[in-house]
């Protein structure tokens, strides 16, 4: 099974997820979508699986700094474009297990995924 952890290197939640994976000896690849970007295909897949409302991080500074026009009339297509343009707006981490993804970091969800 190929596992990829998507996120931003400096994020505290990402650090917790990476520490959990390393402590549990889980081999994974790390994809820093702030450094190398993310394609719309992944964003569409995550939005289909979790709902764009869950994938779009509205609590973050990047989203809050958007103009009112950019924040209004949001739908999946607009959310995907915003996240592709500014990956900091993607909820993190996204742990791709191949057959499914986990959004955010909860130790109990990670533990259940690797039972």
C-alpha atoms as a PDB file:
ATOM      1  CA  UNK A   1       0.000   0.000   0.000  1.00  0.00           C
ATOM      2  CA  UNK A   2       1.390   3.385  -1.030  1.00  0.00           C
ATOM      3  CA  UNK A   3       0.598   6.117   1.500  1.00  0.00           C
ATOM      4  CA  UNK A   4       0.972   9.838   0.846  1.00  0.00           C
ATOM      5  CA  UNK A   5       0.601  12.622   3.381  1.00  0.00           C
ATOM      6  CA  UNK A   6      -0.415  15.920   1.793  1.00  0.00           C
ATOM      7  CA  UNK A   7       0.011  19.225   3.557  1.00  0.00           C
ATOM      8  CA  UNK A   8       2.368  22.037   4.483  1.00  0.00           C
ATOM      9  CA  UNK A   9       5.682  21.343   6.156  1.00  0.00           C
ATOM     10  CA  UNK A  10       5.524  24.062   8.846  1.00  0.00           C
ATOM     11  CA  UNK A  11       1.944  23.404  10.016  1.00  0.00           C
ATOM     12  CA  UNK A  12       1.620  22.238  13.661  1.00  0.00           C
ATOM     13  CA  UNK A  13      -1.133  19.737  12.813  1.00  0.00           C
ATOM     14  CA  UNK A  14       1.050  18.335  10.071  1.00  0.00           C
ATOM     15  CA  UNK A  15       3.886  17.882  12.564  1.00  0.00           C
ATOM     16  CA  UNK A  16       1.555  15.900  14.834  1.00  0.00           C
ATOM     17  CA  UNK A  17       0.461  13.673  11.957  1.00  0.00           C
ATOM     18  CA  UNK A  18       4.027  13.078  10.793  1.00  0.00           C
ATOM     19  CA  UNK A  19       5.139  12.262  14.346  1.00  0.00           C
ATOM     20  CA  UNK A  20       2.251   9.794  14.744  1.00  0.00           C
ATOM     21  CA  UNK A  21       3.110   8.049  11.466  1.00  0.00           C
ATOM     22  CA  UNK A  22       6.805   7.849  12.327  1.00  0.00           C
ATOM     23  CA  UNK A  23       6.147   6.571  15.876  1.00  0.00           C
ATOM     24  CA  UNK A  24       3.904   3.855  14.414  1.00  0.00           C
ATOM     25  CA  UNK A  25       6.513   2.967  11.771  1.00  0.00           C
ATOM     26  CA  UNK A  26       4.236   3.803   8.840  1.00  0.00           C
ATOM     27  CA  UNK A  27       6.120   4.377   5.596  1.00  0.00           C
ATOM     28  CA  UNK A  28       4.729   7.341   3.697  1.00  0.00           C
ATOM     29  CA  UNK A  29       5.639   9.918   1.089  1.00  0.00           C
ATOM     30  CA  UNK A  30       5.181  13.579   1.978  1.00  0.00           C
ATOM     31  CA  UNK A  31       3.721  15.990  -0.586  1.00  0.00           C
ATOM     32  CA  UNK A  32       4.113  19.640   0.408  1.00  0.00           C
ATOM     33  CA  UNK A  33       1.389  21.276  -1.629  1.00  0.00           C
ATOM     34  CA  UNK A  34       2.516  24.741  -0.683  1.00  0.00           C
ATOM     35  CA  UNK A  35       5.964  24.067  -2.177  1.00  0.00           C
ATOM     36  CA  UNK A  36       5.001  21.945  -5.207  1.00  0.00           C
ATOM     37  CA  UNK A  37       1.291  22.678  -5.632  1.00  0.00           C
ATOM     38  CA  UNK A  38      -1.630  20.317  -6.037  1.00  0.00           C
ATOM     39  CA  UNK A  39      -3.555  19.346  -9.126  1.00  0.00           C
ATOM     40  CA  UNK A  40      -7.273  19.874  -9.571  1.00  0.00           C
ATOM     41  CA  UNK A  41      -7.804  16.118  -9.962  1.00  0.00           C
ATOM     42  CA  UNK A  42      -6.756  15.491  -6.350  1.00  0.00           C
ATOM     43  CA  UNK A  43      -8.863  18.414  -5.121  1.00  0.00           C
ATOM     44  CA  UNK A  44     -11.906  17.129  -7.026  1.00  0.00           C
ATOM     45  CA  UNK A  45     -11.395  13.633  -5.616  1.00  0.00           C
ATOM     46  CA  UNK A  46     -11.108  14.920  -2.032  1.00  0.00           C
ATOM     47  CA  UNK A  47     -14.166  17.138  -2.471  1.00  0.00           C
ATOM     48  CA  UNK A  48     -16.156  14.199  -3.850  1.00  0.00           C
ATOM     49  CA  UNK A  49     -15.117  12.026  -0.910  1.00  0.00           C
ATOM     50  CA  UNK A  50     -15.457  14.544   1.925  1.00  0.00           C
ATOM     51  CA  UNK A  51     -17.480  17.453   0.508  1.00  0.00           C
ATOM     52  CA  UNK A  52     -15.834  20.697  -0.572  1.00  0.00           C
ATOM     53  CA  UNK A  53     -17.057  22.390   2.611  1.00  0.00           C
ATOM     54  CA  UNK A  54     -14.796  20.061   4.630  1.00  0.00           C
ATOM     55  CA  UNK A  55     -11.786  20.319   2.324  1.00  0.00           C
ATOM     56  CA  UNK A  56     -11.793  24.125   2.171  1.00  0.00           C
ATOM     57  CA  UNK A  57     -10.174  25.545   5.308  1.00  0.00           C
ATOM     58  CA  UNK A  58     -12.282  28.612   6.036  1.00  0.00           C
ATOM     59  CA  UNK A  59     -10.714  29.117   9.474  1.00  0.00           C
ATOM     60  CA  UNK A  60      -7.258  29.878   8.104  1.00  0.00           C
ATOM     61  CA  UNK A  61      -5.735  33.280   7.535  1.00  0.00           C
ATOM     62  CA  UNK A  62      -5.480  32.793   3.767  1.00  0.00           C
ATOM     63  CA  UNK A  63      -9.234  32.305   3.398  1.00  0.00           C
ATOM     64  CA  UNK A  64     -10.097  35.130   5.781  1.00  0.00           C
ATOM     65  CA  UNK A  65      -7.922  37.538   3.769  1.00  0.00           C
ATOM     66  CA  UNK A  66      -9.886  36.877   0.569  1.00  0.00           C
ATOM     67  CA  UNK A  67     -12.096  39.601  -0.820  1.00  0.00           C
ATOM     68  CA  UNK A  68     -15.805  39.369  -0.082  1.00  0.00           C
ATOM     69  CA  UNK A  69     -16.362  38.666  -3.793  1.00  0.00           C
ATOM     70  CA  UNK A  70     -14.075  35.620  -3.631  1.00  0.00           C
ATOM     71  CA  UNK A  71     -15.802  34.370  -0.472  1.00  0.00           C
ATOM     72  CA  UNK A  72     -19.329  34.775  -1.836  1.00  0.00           C
ATOM     73  CA  UNK A  73     -21.330  32.285  -3.891  1.00  0.00           C
ATOM     74  CA  UNK A  74     -18.982  29.417  -3.077  1.00  0.00           C
ATOM     75  CA  UNK A  75     -19.593  26.071  -4.705  1.00  0.00           C
ATOM     76  CA  UNK A  76     -17.295  23.127  -5.379  1.00  0.00           C
ATOM     77  CA  UNK A  77     -15.931  24.505  -8.654  1.00  0.00           C
ATOM     78  CA  UNK A  78     -15.060  27.870  -7.104  1.00  0.00           C
ATOM     79  CA  UNK A  79     -13.616  26.239  -3.982  1.00  0.00           C
ATOM     80  CA  UNK A  80     -11.373  23.966  -6.100  1.00  0.00           C
ATOM     81  CA  UNK A  81     -10.088  26.976  -8.054  1.00  0.00           C
ATOM     82  CA  UNK A  82      -9.347  28.888  -4.830  1.00  0.00           C
ATOM     83  CA  UNK A  83      -7.532  25.898  -3.285  1.00  0.00           C
ATOM     84  CA  UNK A  84      -5.547  25.222  -6.474  1.00  0.00           C
ATOM     85  CA  UNK A  85      -4.443  28.858  -6.583  1.00  0.00           C
ATOM     86  CA  UNK A  86      -3.662  29.023  -2.843  1.00  0.00           C
ATOM     87  CA  UNK A  87      -3.054  25.560  -1.351  1.00  0.00           C
ATOM     88  CA  UNK A  88      -2.900  27.038   2.162  1.00  0.00           C
ATOM     89  CA  UNK A  89      -6.706  26.976   1.985  1.00  0.00           C
ATOM     90  CA  UNK A  90      -6.782  23.161   1.921  1.00  0.00           C
ATOM     91  CA  UNK A  91      -7.628  21.455   5.195  1.00  0.00           C
ATOM     92  CA  UNK A  92      -4.632  19.538   6.397  1.00  0.00           C
ATOM     93  CA  UNK A  93      -3.344  17.015   6.534  1.00  0.00           C
ATOM     94  CA  UNK A  94      -4.825  14.805   3.855  1.00  0.00           C
ATOM     95  CA  UNK A  95      -3.637  11.225   4.307  1.00  0.00           C
ATOM     96  CA  UNK A  96      -4.087   9.209   1.117  1.00  0.00           C
ATOM     97  CA  UNK A  97      -4.351   5.505   1.934  1.00  0.00           C
ATOM     98  CA  UNK A  98      -5.041   4.484  -1.658  1.00  0.00           C
ATOM     99  CA  UNK A  99      -8.609   3.266  -1.156  1.00  0.00           C
ATOM    100  CA  UNK A 100      -9.654   6.322   0.864  1.00  0.00           C
ATOM    101  CA  UNK A 101      -8.335   9.522   2.397  1.00  0.00           C
ATOM    102  CA  UNK A 102      -8.406  10.879   5.926  1.00  0.00           C
ATOM    103  CA  UNK A 103      -8.934  14.617   6.314  1.00  0.00           C
ATOM    104  CA  UNK A 104      -7.401  16.379   9.315  1.00  0.00           C
ATOM    105  CA  UNK A 105      -5.511  14.641  12.099  1.00  0.00           C
ATOM    106  CA  UNK A 106      -7.173  12.628  14.856  1.00  0.00           C
ATOM    107  CA  UNK A 107      -4.942   9.955  16.463  1.00  0.00           C
ATOM    108  CA  UNK A 108      -7.902   7.592  16.888  1.00  0.00           C
ATOM    109  CA  UNK A 109      -8.794   7.800  13.185  1.00  0.00           C
ATOM    110  CA  UNK A 110      -5.200   7.121  12.195  1.00  0.00           C
ATOM    111  CA  UNK A 111      -5.053   4.168  14.601  1.00  0.00           C
ATOM    112  CA  UNK A 112      -8.285   2.713  13.170  1.00  0.00           C
ATOM    113  CA  UNK A 113      -6.972   3.085   9.610  1.00  0.00           C
ATOM    114  CA  UNK A 114      -3.856   1.053  10.408  1.00  0.00           C
ATOM    115  CA  UNK A 115      -5.392  -1.725  12.529  1.00  0.00           C
END
